[in-house]
């Protein structure tokens, strides 16, 4: 798969001897490479590089006008940062210092003339393979960066939506608390009048039946007042402004009040409603304030 892609690579050959270029182009033709450009004048490398956009450079070192080291310096300026561009030096220069300098300047590989064409083919193929893999890696990195950017934008948008929803919920919560407080205030004022007159009537009336009615009004009004207090307590609890006040409660008395309110309706419907008390404490427990209350109805 890779080799079939490599044969379409752009190969640039720079050598001041046309005979050497003919040998290399013959090798490329024999191996099936389809795209290459050549020049014997190193001064043309820059324009060829920009126009031909090679994937690999086969370069001689000892040339007139510009040597191979100077050509590499010009080429390196045109190679993007972090990009891999292989340069294969093919030269008659055998001095170790030249090889070391060429590799230091930017050459990826180095062969001395006369060279084995099989080895040249393998070196070209290996360098092109590395460039191909490097390009694929760059593409994958670019795709990954685009996906990360896209996902980041999505998360930022989702975060904005969550913040907006949070602000809306907090606003609704404040509105609810304000409404509950106002409602409790508006209801408490008439309830004060109802409870006051109901208390007055239950104390002043002589008729037992009317007195009982006044008692029911008074008890119901107090119950509604307590409900309003619970609503206010709930608002304060949500705003973390409430403090627990633990007290003993006489459950029997509270249940008796409820039975008193419901008994009249039960009698109208022919229902039997009563209350019984059973002490569930063990014999060793002396706290008589805790009782269990059971209901029975027929």
C-alpha atoms as a PDB file:
ATOM      1  CA  UNK A   1       0.000   0.000   0.000  1.00  0.00           C
ATOM      2  CA  UNK A   2       2.770   2.426   0.933  1.00  0.00           C
ATOM      3  CA  UNK A   3       5.077   1.408  -1.935  1.00  0.00           C
ATOM      4  CA  UNK A   4       2.311   2.051  -4.475  1.00  0.00           C
ATOM      5  CA  UNK A   5       2.012   5.528  -3.023  1.00  0.00           C
ATOM      6  CA  UNK A   6       5.764   6.149  -2.939  1.00  0.00           C
ATOM      7  CA  UNK A   7       6.238   5.689  -6.688  1.00  0.00           C
ATOM      8  CA  UNK A   8       4.253   8.906  -7.205  1.00  0.00           C
ATOM      9  CA  UNK A   9       6.568  10.920  -4.935  1.00  0.00           C
ATOM     10  CA  UNK A  10       8.268  14.019  -6.337  1.00  0.00           C
ATOM     11  CA  UNK A  11      12.033  13.436  -6.498  1.00  0.00           C
ATOM     12  CA  UNK A  12      14.459  16.321  -7.149  1.00  0.00           C
ATOM     13  CA  UNK A  13      17.998  15.454  -8.373  1.00  0.00           C
ATOM     14  CA  UNK A  14      20.806  18.020  -8.215  1.00  0.00           C
ATOM     15  CA  UNK A  15      24.208  17.091  -9.665  1.00  0.00           C
ATOM     16  CA  UNK A  16      26.594  19.103 -11.843  1.00  0.00           C
ATOM     17  CA  UNK A  17      27.373  15.962 -13.911  1.00  0.00           C
ATOM     18  CA  UNK A  18      24.656  15.027 -16.393  1.00  0.00           C
ATOM     19  CA  UNK A  19      25.983  11.468 -16.549  1.00  0.00           C
ATOM     20  CA  UNK A  20      25.242  10.972 -12.854  1.00  0.00           C
ATOM     21  CA  UNK A  21      21.751  12.377 -13.351  1.00  0.00           C
ATOM     22  CA  UNK A  22      21.151   9.966 -16.260  1.00  0.00           C
ATOM     23  CA  UNK A  23      22.132   7.005 -14.080  1.00  0.00           C
ATOM     24  CA  UNK A  24      19.758   8.078 -11.310  1.00  0.00           C
ATOM     25  CA  UNK A  25      16.821   8.796 -13.626  1.00  0.00           C
ATOM     26  CA  UNK A  26      17.363   5.411 -15.276  1.00  0.00           C
ATOM     27  CA  UNK A  27      17.154   3.784 -11.863  1.00  0.00           C
ATOM     28  CA  UNK A  28      13.964   5.686 -11.052  1.00  0.00           C
ATOM     29  CA  UNK A  29      12.387   4.690 -14.362  1.00  0.00           C
ATOM     30  CA  UNK A  30      13.297   1.063 -13.789  1.00  0.00           C
ATOM     31  CA  UNK A  31      11.719   1.105 -10.310  1.00  0.00           C
ATOM     32  CA  UNK A  32       8.481   2.679 -11.552  1.00  0.00           C
ATOM     33  CA  UNK A  33       8.845   6.195 -10.125  1.00  0.00           C
ATOM     34  CA  UNK A  34       6.678   8.580 -12.108  1.00  0.00           C
ATOM     35  CA  UNK A  35       7.649  12.099 -11.032  1.00  0.00           C
ATOM     36  CA  UNK A  36      11.125  13.589 -10.869  1.00  0.00           C
ATOM     37  CA  UNK A  37      12.944  16.793 -11.822  1.00  0.00           C
ATOM     38  CA  UNK A  38      16.675  17.384 -12.396  1.00  0.00           C
ATOM     39  CA  UNK A  39      19.166  20.210 -12.686  1.00  0.00           C
ATOM     40  CA  UNK A  40      22.940  20.524 -13.121  1.00  0.00           C
ATOM     41  CA  UNK A  41      22.913  24.099 -11.851  1.00  0.00           C
ATOM     42  CA  UNK A  42      22.540  24.361  -8.047  1.00  0.00           C
ATOM     43  CA  UNK A  43      21.428  27.963  -8.451  1.00  0.00           C
ATOM     44  CA  UNK A  44      18.107  26.678  -9.826  1.00  0.00           C
ATOM     45  CA  UNK A  45      17.307  24.571  -6.758  1.00  0.00           C
ATOM     46  CA  UNK A  46      15.328  27.259  -4.935  1.00  0.00           C
ATOM     47  CA  UNK A  47      12.975  27.975  -7.849  1.00  0.00           C
ATOM     48  CA  UNK A  48      12.614  24.251  -8.580  1.00  0.00           C
ATOM     49  CA  UNK A  49      11.890  23.538  -4.928  1.00  0.00           C
ATOM     50  CA  UNK A  50       9.113  26.128  -4.793  1.00  0.00           C
ATOM     51  CA  UNK A  51       7.594  25.011  -8.109  1.00  0.00           C
ATOM     52  CA  UNK A  52       8.070  21.236  -8.001  1.00  0.00           C
ATOM     53  CA  UNK A  53       7.530  20.749  -4.234  1.00  0.00           C
ATOM     54  CA  UNK A  54       9.721  17.640  -3.940  1.00  0.00           C
ATOM     55  CA  UNK A  55       9.308  14.871  -1.364  1.00  0.00           C
ATOM     56  CA  UNK A  56      13.037  14.067  -1.396  1.00  0.00           C
ATOM     57  CA  UNK A  57      16.238  15.717  -2.605  1.00  0.00           C
ATOM     58  CA  UNK A  58      19.152  13.731  -4.123  1.00  0.00           C
ATOM     59  CA  UNK A  59      22.082  16.112  -3.800  1.00  0.00           C
ATOM     60  CA  UNK A  60      25.740  16.242  -4.798  1.00  0.00           C
ATOM     61  CA  UNK A  61      28.196  18.142  -2.601  1.00  0.00           C
ATOM     62  CA  UNK A  62      30.998  19.316  -4.908  1.00  0.00           C
ATOM     63  CA  UNK A  63      29.417  21.632  -7.472  1.00  0.00           C
ATOM     64  CA  UNK A  64      30.314  24.999  -9.006  1.00  0.00           C
ATOM     65  CA  UNK A  65      28.581  28.240  -7.983  1.00  0.00           C
ATOM     66  CA  UNK A  66      26.951  26.637  -4.917  1.00  0.00           C
ATOM     67  CA  UNK A  67      28.104  23.539  -3.062  1.00  0.00           C
ATOM     68  CA  UNK A  68      25.744  21.032  -1.483  1.00  0.00           C
ATOM     69  CA  UNK A  69      26.045  22.584   1.990  1.00  0.00           C
ATOM     70  CA  UNK A  70      24.884  25.967   0.694  1.00  0.00           C
ATOM     71  CA  UNK A  71      22.008  24.343  -1.184  1.00  0.00           C
ATOM     72  CA  UNK A  72      20.862  22.602   2.003  1.00  0.00           C
ATOM     73  CA  UNK A  73      20.909  25.911   3.877  1.00  0.00           C
ATOM     74  CA  UNK A  74      18.626  27.445   1.222  1.00  0.00           C
ATOM     75  CA  UNK A  75      16.301  24.431   1.252  1.00  0.00           C
ATOM     76  CA  UNK A  76      16.045  24.290   5.026  1.00  0.00           C
ATOM     77  CA  UNK A  77      14.590  27.803   5.066  1.00  0.00           C
ATOM     78  CA  UNK A  78      11.660  26.545   2.957  1.00  0.00           C
ATOM     79  CA  UNK A  79      10.879  23.462   5.038  1.00  0.00           C
ATOM     80  CA  UNK A  80       8.002  24.070   7.503  1.00  0.00           C
ATOM     81  CA  UNK A  81       8.714  23.679  11.196  1.00  0.00           C
ATOM     82  CA  UNK A  82       8.340  20.084  12.429  1.00  0.00           C
ATOM     83  CA  UNK A  83       8.074  18.822   8.833  1.00  0.00           C
ATOM     84  CA  UNK A  84      10.251  15.912   7.728  1.00  0.00           C
ATOM     85  CA  UNK A  85      12.034  16.466   4.395  1.00  0.00           C
ATOM     86  CA  UNK A  86      14.737  13.876   3.557  1.00  0.00           C
ATOM     87  CA  UNK A  87      17.953  14.868   1.773  1.00  0.00           C
ATOM     88  CA  UNK A  88      20.118  12.031   0.416  1.00  0.00           C
ATOM     89  CA  UNK A  89      23.722  13.079  -0.263  1.00  0.00           C
ATOM     90  CA  UNK A  90      25.318  11.293  -3.267  1.00  0.00           C
ATOM     91  CA  UNK A  91      28.907  12.491  -3.599  1.00  0.00           C
ATOM     92  CA  UNK A  92      32.470  11.504  -4.399  1.00  0.00           C
ATOM     93  CA  UNK A  93      33.619  13.300  -1.267  1.00  0.00           C
ATOM     94  CA  UNK A  94      34.846  10.643   1.140  1.00  0.00           C
ATOM     95  CA  UNK A  95      36.219  12.786   3.950  1.00  0.00           C
ATOM     96  CA  UNK A  96      34.553  11.909   7.279  1.00  0.00           C
ATOM     97  CA  UNK A  97      34.342  15.607   8.099  1.00  0.00           C
ATOM     98  CA  UNK A  98      32.196  16.215   5.014  1.00  0.00           C
ATOM     99  CA  UNK A  99      29.813  13.439   5.972  1.00  0.00           C
ATOM    100  CA  UNK A 100      29.535  14.707   9.519  1.00  0.00           C
ATOM    101  CA  UNK A 101      28.936  18.273   8.355  1.00  0.00           C
ATOM    102  CA  UNK A 102      26.311  17.187   5.814  1.00  0.00           C
ATOM    103  CA  UNK A 103      24.399  15.240   8.456  1.00  0.00           C
ATOM    104  CA  UNK A 104      24.691  18.181  10.852  1.00  0.00           C
ATOM    105  CA  UNK A 105      23.388  20.668   8.266  1.00  0.00           C
ATOM    106  CA  UNK A 106      20.284  18.602   7.514  1.00  0.00           C
ATOM    107  CA  UNK A 107      21.049  15.546   5.387  1.00  0.00           C
ATOM    108  CA  UNK A 108      19.100  12.423   6.320  1.00  0.00           C
ATOM    109  CA  UNK A 109      21.492   9.950   4.635  1.00  0.00           C
ATOM    110  CA  UNK A 110      24.887   9.888   2.942  1.00  0.00           C
ATOM    111  CA  UNK A 111      26.360   7.702   0.145  1.00  0.00           C
ATOM    112  CA  UNK A 112      29.710   8.026  -1.596  1.00  0.00           C
ATOM    113  CA  UNK A 113      30.397   7.451  -5.309  1.00  0.00           C
ATOM    114  CA  UNK A 114      30.644   5.054  -6.965  1.00  0.00           C
ATOM    115  CA  UNK A 115      27.499   3.791  -5.303  1.00  0.00           C
ATOM    116  CA  UNK A 116      25.512   0.579  -5.587  1.00  0.00           C
ATOM    117  CA  UNK A 117      22.241   1.288  -7.391  1.00  0.00           C
ATOM    118  CA  UNK A 118      20.414  -1.333  -5.334  1.00  0.00           C
ATOM    119  CA  UNK A 119      21.522   0.432  -2.164  1.00  0.00           C
ATOM    120  CA  UNK A 120      20.517   3.801  -3.622  1.00  0.00           C
ATOM    121  CA  UNK A 121      17.057   2.428  -4.409  1.00  0.00           C
ATOM    122  CA  UNK A 122      16.665   1.057  -0.878  1.00  0.00           C
ATOM    123  CA  UNK A 123      17.852   4.321   0.691  1.00  0.00           C
ATOM    124  CA  UNK A 124      15.417   6.357  -1.432  1.00  0.00           C
ATOM    125  CA  UNK A 125      12.553   4.001  -0.629  1.00  0.00           C
ATOM    126  CA  UNK A 126      13.271   4.051   3.122  1.00  0.00           C
ATOM    127  CA  UNK A 127      13.508   7.853   3.240  1.00  0.00           C
ATOM    128  CA  UNK A 128      10.290   8.267   1.261  1.00  0.00           C
ATOM    129  CA  UNK A 129       8.558   5.760   3.526  1.00  0.00           C
ATOM    130  CA  UNK A 130       9.566   7.748   6.612  1.00  0.00           C
ATOM    131  CA  UNK A 131       8.341  10.971   4.958  1.00  0.00           C
ATOM    132  CA  UNK A 132       5.030   9.321   4.040  1.00  0.00           C
ATOM    133  CA  UNK A 133       4.487   8.047   7.582  1.00  0.00           C
ATOM    134  CA  UNK A 134       5.432  11.438   8.981  1.00  0.00           C
ATOM    135  CA  UNK A 135       2.906  13.120   6.683  1.00  0.00           C
ATOM    136  CA  UNK A 136       0.205  10.676   7.758  1.00  0.00           C
ATOM    137  CA  UNK A 137       1.030  11.432  11.367  1.00  0.00           C
ATOM    138  CA  UNK A 138       0.737  15.163  10.680  1.00  0.00           C
ATOM    139  CA  UNK A 139      -2.656  14.610   9.034  1.00  0.00           C
ATOM    140  CA  UNK A 140      -3.862  12.575  11.996  1.00  0.00           C
ATOM    141  CA  UNK A 141      -2.602  15.233  14.399  1.00  0.00           C
ATOM    142  CA  UNK A 142      -4.393  17.909  12.418  1.00  0.00           C
ATOM    143  CA  UNK A 143      -7.618  15.908  12.418  1.00  0.00           C
ATOM    144  CA  UNK A 144      -7.218  15.311  16.143  1.00  0.00           C
ATOM    145  CA  UNK A 145      -6.617  19.011  16.775  1.00  0.00           C
ATOM    146  CA  UNK A 146      -9.711  19.887  14.770  1.00  0.00           C
ATOM    147  CA  UNK A 147     -11.778  17.367  16.737  1.00  0.00           C
ATOM    148  CA  UNK A 148     -10.379  18.675  20.018  1.00  0.00           C
ATOM    149  CA  UNK A 149     -11.183  22.226  18.949  1.00  0.00           C
ATOM    150  CA  UNK A 150     -14.683  21.196  17.901  1.00  0.00           C
ATOM    151  CA  UNK A 151     -15.270  19.244  21.107  1.00  0.00           C
ATOM    152  CA  UNK A 152     -13.912  22.124  23.188  1.00  0.00           C
ATOM    153  CA  UNK A 153     -16.336  24.498  21.451  1.00  0.00           C
ATOM    154  CA  UNK A 154     -19.192  22.074  22.155  1.00  0.00           C
ATOM    155  CA  UNK A 155     -18.218  21.804  25.816  1.00  0.00           C
ATOM    156  CA  UNK A 156     -17.925  25.582  26.125  1.00  0.00           C
ATOM    157  CA  UNK A 157     -21.375  25.973  24.571  1.00  0.00           C
ATOM    158  CA  UNK A 158     -22.779  23.305  26.894  1.00  0.00           C
ATOM    159  CA  UNK A 159     -21.141  25.025  29.840  1.00  0.00           C
ATOM    160  CA  UNK A 160     -22.723  28.339  28.819  1.00  0.00           C
ATOM    161  CA  UNK A 161     -26.107  26.592  28.633  1.00  0.00           C
ATOM    162  CA  UNK A 162     -25.590  25.073  32.077  1.00  0.00           C
ATOM    163  CA  UNK A 163     -24.602  28.430  33.525  1.00  0.00           C
ATOM    164  CA  UNK A 164     -27.660  30.040  31.936  1.00  0.00           C
ATOM    165  CA  UNK A 165     -29.878  27.257  33.284  1.00  0.00           C
ATOM    166  CA  UNK A 166     -28.296  27.608  36.726  1.00  0.00           C
ATOM    167  CA  UNK A 167     -28.839  31.374  36.726  1.00  0.00           C
ATOM    168  CA  UNK A 168     -32.447  30.861  35.605  1.00  0.00           C
ATOM    169  CA  UNK A 169     -33.047  28.255  38.316  1.00  0.00           C
ATOM    170  CA  UNK A 170     -31.546  30.519  40.964  1.00  0.00           C
ATOM    171  CA  UNK A 171     -33.707  33.376  39.729  1.00  0.00           C
ATOM    172  CA  UNK A 172     -36.816  31.192  39.862  1.00  0.00           C
ATOM    173  CA  UNK A 173     -35.842  30.052  43.341  1.00  0.00           C
ATOM    174  CA  UNK A 174     -35.498  33.654  44.510  1.00  0.00           C
ATOM    175  CA  UNK A 175     -38.830  34.472  42.879  1.00  0.00           C
ATOM    176  CA  UNK A 176     -40.435  31.502  44.627  1.00  0.00           C
ATOM    177  CA  UNK A 177     -39.032  32.542  48.000  1.00  0.00           C
ATOM    178  CA  UNK A 178     -40.272  36.099  47.462  1.00  0.00           C
ATOM    179  CA  UNK A 179     -43.692  34.806  46.449  1.00  0.00           C
ATOM    180  CA  UNK A 180     -43.941  32.527  49.479  1.00  0.00           C
ATOM    181  CA  UNK A 181     -42.904  35.315  51.807  1.00  0.00           C
ATOM    182  CA  UNK A 182     -45.430  37.735  50.296  1.00  0.00           C
ATOM    183  CA  UNK A 183     -48.169  35.107  50.260  1.00  0.00           C
ATOM    184  CA  UNK A 184     -47.548  34.254  53.897  1.00  0.00           C
ATOM    185  CA  UNK A 185     -47.673  37.924  54.809  1.00  0.00           C
ATOM    186  CA  UNK A 186     -50.874  38.573  52.867  1.00  0.00           C
ATOM    187  CA  UNK A 187     -52.592  35.530  54.399  1.00  0.00           C
ATOM    188  CA  UNK A 188     -51.332  36.158  57.914  1.00  0.00           C
ATOM    189  CA  UNK A 189     -53.031  39.572  58.154  1.00  0.00           C
ATOM    190  CA  UNK A 190     -56.634  38.363  57.606  1.00  0.00           C
ATOM    191  CA  UNK A 191     -55.946  35.235  59.656  1.00  0.00           C
ATOM    192  CA  UNK A 192     -55.045  37.399  62.619  1.00  0.00           C
ATOM    193  CA  UNK A 193     -58.477  39.005  62.443  1.00  0.00           C
ATOM    194  CA  UNK A 194     -60.250  35.660  62.014  1.00  0.00           C
ATOM    195  CA  UNK A 195     -58.421  34.049  64.913  1.00  0.00           C
ATOM    196  CA  UNK A 196     -58.916  37.067  67.128  1.00  0.00           C
ATOM    197  CA  UNK A 197     -62.669  37.225  66.654  1.00  0.00           C
ATOM    198  CA  UNK A 198     -62.968  33.422  66.817  1.00  0.00           C
ATOM    199  CA  UNK A 199     -61.176  33.458  70.164  1.00  0.00           C
ATOM    200  CA  UNK A 200     -63.442  36.267  71.351  1.00  0.00           C
ATOM    201  CA  UNK A 201     -66.604  34.404  70.274  1.00  0.00           C
ATOM    202  CA  UNK A 202     -65.638  31.059  71.826  1.00  0.00           C
ATOM    203  CA  UNK A 203     -65.139  32.803  75.137  1.00  0.00           C
ATOM    204  CA  UNK A 204     -68.247  35.044  75.020  1.00  0.00           C
ATOM    205  CA  UNK A 205     -70.917  32.893  73.400  1.00  0.00           C
ATOM    206  CA  UNK A 206     -73.324  31.081  75.711  1.00  0.00           C
ATOM    207  CA  UNK A 207     -74.800  28.651  73.173  1.00  0.00           C
ATOM    208  CA  UNK A 208     -72.837  25.364  73.309  1.00  0.00           C
ATOM    209  CA  UNK A 209     -73.406  24.757  69.611  1.00  0.00           C
ATOM    210  CA  UNK A 210     -72.203  28.239  68.604  1.00  0.00           C
ATOM    211  CA  UNK A 211     -69.365  28.011  71.070  1.00  0.00           C
ATOM    212  CA  UNK A 212     -68.283  24.732  69.460  1.00  0.00           C
ATOM    213  CA  UNK A 213     -68.391  26.340  66.007  1.00  0.00           C
ATOM    214  CA  UNK A 214     -66.262  29.239  67.218  1.00  0.00           C
ATOM    215  CA  UNK A 215     -63.836  26.730  68.711  1.00  0.00           C
ATOM    216  CA  UNK A 216     -63.560  24.955  65.346  1.00  0.00           C
ATOM    217  CA  UNK A 217     -62.937  28.272  63.548  1.00  0.00           C
ATOM    218  CA  UNK A 218     -60.298  29.202  66.100  1.00  0.00           C
ATOM    219  CA  UNK A 219     -58.566  25.799  65.880  1.00  0.00           C
ATOM    220  CA  UNK A 220     -58.636  25.777  62.078  1.00  0.00           C
ATOM    221  CA  UNK A 221     -57.265  29.316  61.927  1.00  0.00           C
ATOM    222  CA  UNK A 222     -54.395  28.385  64.207  1.00  0.00           C
ATOM    223  CA  UNK A 223     -53.689  25.333  62.065  1.00  0.00           C
ATOM    224  CA  UNK A 224     -53.544  27.487  58.949  1.00  0.00           C
ATOM    225  CA  UNK A 225     -51.227  29.913  60.734  1.00  0.00           C
ATOM    226  CA  UNK A 226     -48.905  27.041  61.570  1.00  0.00           C
ATOM    227  CA  UNK A 227     -48.953  25.950  57.909  1.00  0.00           C
ATOM    228  CA  UNK A 228     -47.884  29.447  56.881  1.00  0.00           C
ATOM    229  CA  UNK A 229     -45.104  29.296  59.436  1.00  0.00           C
ATOM    230  CA  UNK A 230     -43.938  26.007  57.920  1.00  0.00           C
ATOM    231  CA  UNK A 231     -43.872  27.608  54.473  1.00  0.00           C
ATOM    232  CA  UNK A 232     -41.673  30.382  55.806  1.00  0.00           C
ATOM    233  CA  UNK A 233     -39.506  27.809  57.540  1.00  0.00           C
ATOM    234  CA  UNK A 234     -39.085  25.976  54.240  1.00  0.00           C
ATOM    235  CA  UNK A 235     -37.927  29.161  52.514  1.00  0.00           C
ATOM    236  CA  UNK A 236     -35.450  29.834  55.289  1.00  0.00           C
ATOM    237  CA  UNK A 237     -34.279  26.217  55.179  1.00  0.00           C
ATOM    238  CA  UNK A 238     -33.528  26.482  51.445  1.00  0.00           C
ATOM    239  CA  UNK A 239     -31.574  29.679  52.056  1.00  0.00           C
ATOM    240  CA  UNK A 240     -29.740  28.002  54.968  1.00  0.00           C
ATOM    241  CA  UNK A 241     -31.009  30.597  57.438  1.00  0.00           C
ATOM    242  CA  UNK A 242     -32.980  28.269  59.704  1.00  0.00           C
ATOM    243  CA  UNK A 243     -31.873  26.714  62.967  1.00  0.00           C
ATOM    244  CA  UNK A 244     -33.301  23.579  64.496  1.00  0.00           C
ATOM    245  CA  UNK A 245     -35.334  24.038  67.665  1.00  0.00           C
ATOM    246  CA  UNK A 246     -35.923  20.586  69.134  1.00  0.00           C
ATOM    247  CA  UNK A 247     -38.815  20.434  71.620  1.00  0.00           C
ATOM    248  CA  UNK A 248     -41.002  17.817  73.211  1.00  0.00           C
ATOM    249  CA  UNK A 249     -44.376  17.482  71.513  1.00  0.00           C
ATOM    250  CA  UNK A 250     -47.537  16.155  73.136  1.00  0.00           C
ATOM    251  CA  UNK A 251     -48.688  13.908  70.299  1.00  0.00           C
ATOM    252  CA  UNK A 252     -51.893  12.939  72.107  1.00  0.00           C
ATOM    253  CA  UNK A 253     -52.949  16.554  72.409  1.00  0.00           C
ATOM    254  CA  UNK A 254     -52.104  17.288  68.764  1.00  0.00           C
ATOM    255  CA  UNK A 255     -53.971  14.235  67.523  1.00  0.00           C
ATOM    256  CA  UNK A 256     -56.951  15.047  69.740  1.00  0.00           C
ATOM    257  CA  UNK A 257     -57.170  18.439  68.023  1.00  0.00           C
ATOM    258  CA  UNK A 258     -57.208  16.757  64.638  1.00  0.00           C
ATOM    259  CA  UNK A 259     -59.874  14.293  65.729  1.00  0.00           C
ATOM    260  CA  UNK A 260     -61.915  17.195  67.033  1.00  0.00           C
ATOM    261  CA  UNK A 261     -61.806  18.874  63.633  1.00  0.00           C
ATOM    262  CA  UNK A 262     -62.702  15.715  61.714  1.00  0.00           C
ATOM    263  CA  UNK A 263     -65.297  14.253  64.089  1.00  0.00           C
ATOM    264  CA  UNK A 264     -68.193  16.395  62.868  1.00  0.00           C
ATOM    265  CA  UNK A 265     -67.633  15.355  59.245  1.00  0.00           C
ATOM    266  CA  UNK A 266     -67.270  11.730  60.334  1.00  0.00           C
ATOM    267  CA  UNK A 267     -70.565  11.894  62.245  1.00  0.00           C
ATOM    268  CA  UNK A 268     -72.330  13.306  59.200  1.00  0.00           C
ATOM    269  CA  UNK A 269     -71.161  10.344  57.155  1.00  0.00           C
ATOM    270  CA  UNK A 270     -72.038   7.843  59.858  1.00  0.00           C
ATOM    271  CA  UNK A 271     -68.411   6.974  60.566  1.00  0.00           C
ATOM    272  CA  UNK A 272     -67.104   6.006  63.961  1.00  0.00           C
ATOM    273  CA  UNK A 273     -63.896   7.902  64.793  1.00  0.00           C
ATOM    274  CA  UNK A 274     -62.053   7.507  68.070  1.00  0.00           C
ATOM    275  CA  UNK A 275     -58.558   7.645  69.566  1.00  0.00           C
ATOM    276  CA  UNK A 276     -56.806   5.182  71.847  1.00  0.00           C
ATOM    277  CA  UNK A 277     -53.431   5.457  73.581  1.00  0.00           C
ATOM    278  CA  UNK A 278     -51.006   2.599  74.171  1.00  0.00           C
ATOM    279  CA  UNK A 279     -47.836   3.038  76.095  1.00  0.00           C
ATOM    280  CA  UNK A 280     -45.089   1.295  74.083  1.00  0.00           C
ATOM    281  CA  UNK A 281     -42.312   2.026  76.539  1.00  0.00           C
ATOM    282  CA  UNK A 282     -40.512  -0.792  78.277  1.00  0.00           C
ATOM    283  CA  UNK A 283     -40.935  -1.179  82.023  1.00  0.00           C
ATOM    284  CA  UNK A 284     -37.410   0.133  82.564  1.00  0.00           C
ATOM    285  CA  UNK A 285     -38.094   3.426  80.749  1.00  0.00           C
ATOM    286  CA  UNK A 286     -39.625   6.201  82.882  1.00  0.00           C
ATOM    287  CA  UNK A 287     -40.109   8.920  80.201  1.00  0.00           C
ATOM    288  CA  UNK A 288     -43.945   8.997  80.071  1.00  0.00           C
ATOM    289  CA  UNK A 289     -43.954  11.821  77.491  1.00  0.00           C
ATOM    290  CA  UNK A 290     -43.411   9.447  74.559  1.00  0.00           C
ATOM    291  CA  UNK A 291     -46.638   7.736  73.535  1.00  0.00           C
ATOM    292  CA  UNK A 292     -48.057   5.965  70.515  1.00  0.00           C
ATOM    293  CA  UNK A 293     -51.472   6.909  69.196  1.00  0.00           C
ATOM    294  CA  UNK A 294     -53.657   4.557  67.149  1.00  0.00           C
ATOM    295  CA  UNK A 295     -56.833   5.281  65.173  1.00  0.00           C
ATOM    296  CA  UNK A 296     -59.713   2.965  64.525  1.00  0.00           C
ATOM    297  CA  UNK A 297     -62.692   3.662  62.318  1.00  0.00           C
ATOM    298  CA  UNK A 298     -65.693   1.682  61.237  1.00  0.00           C
END
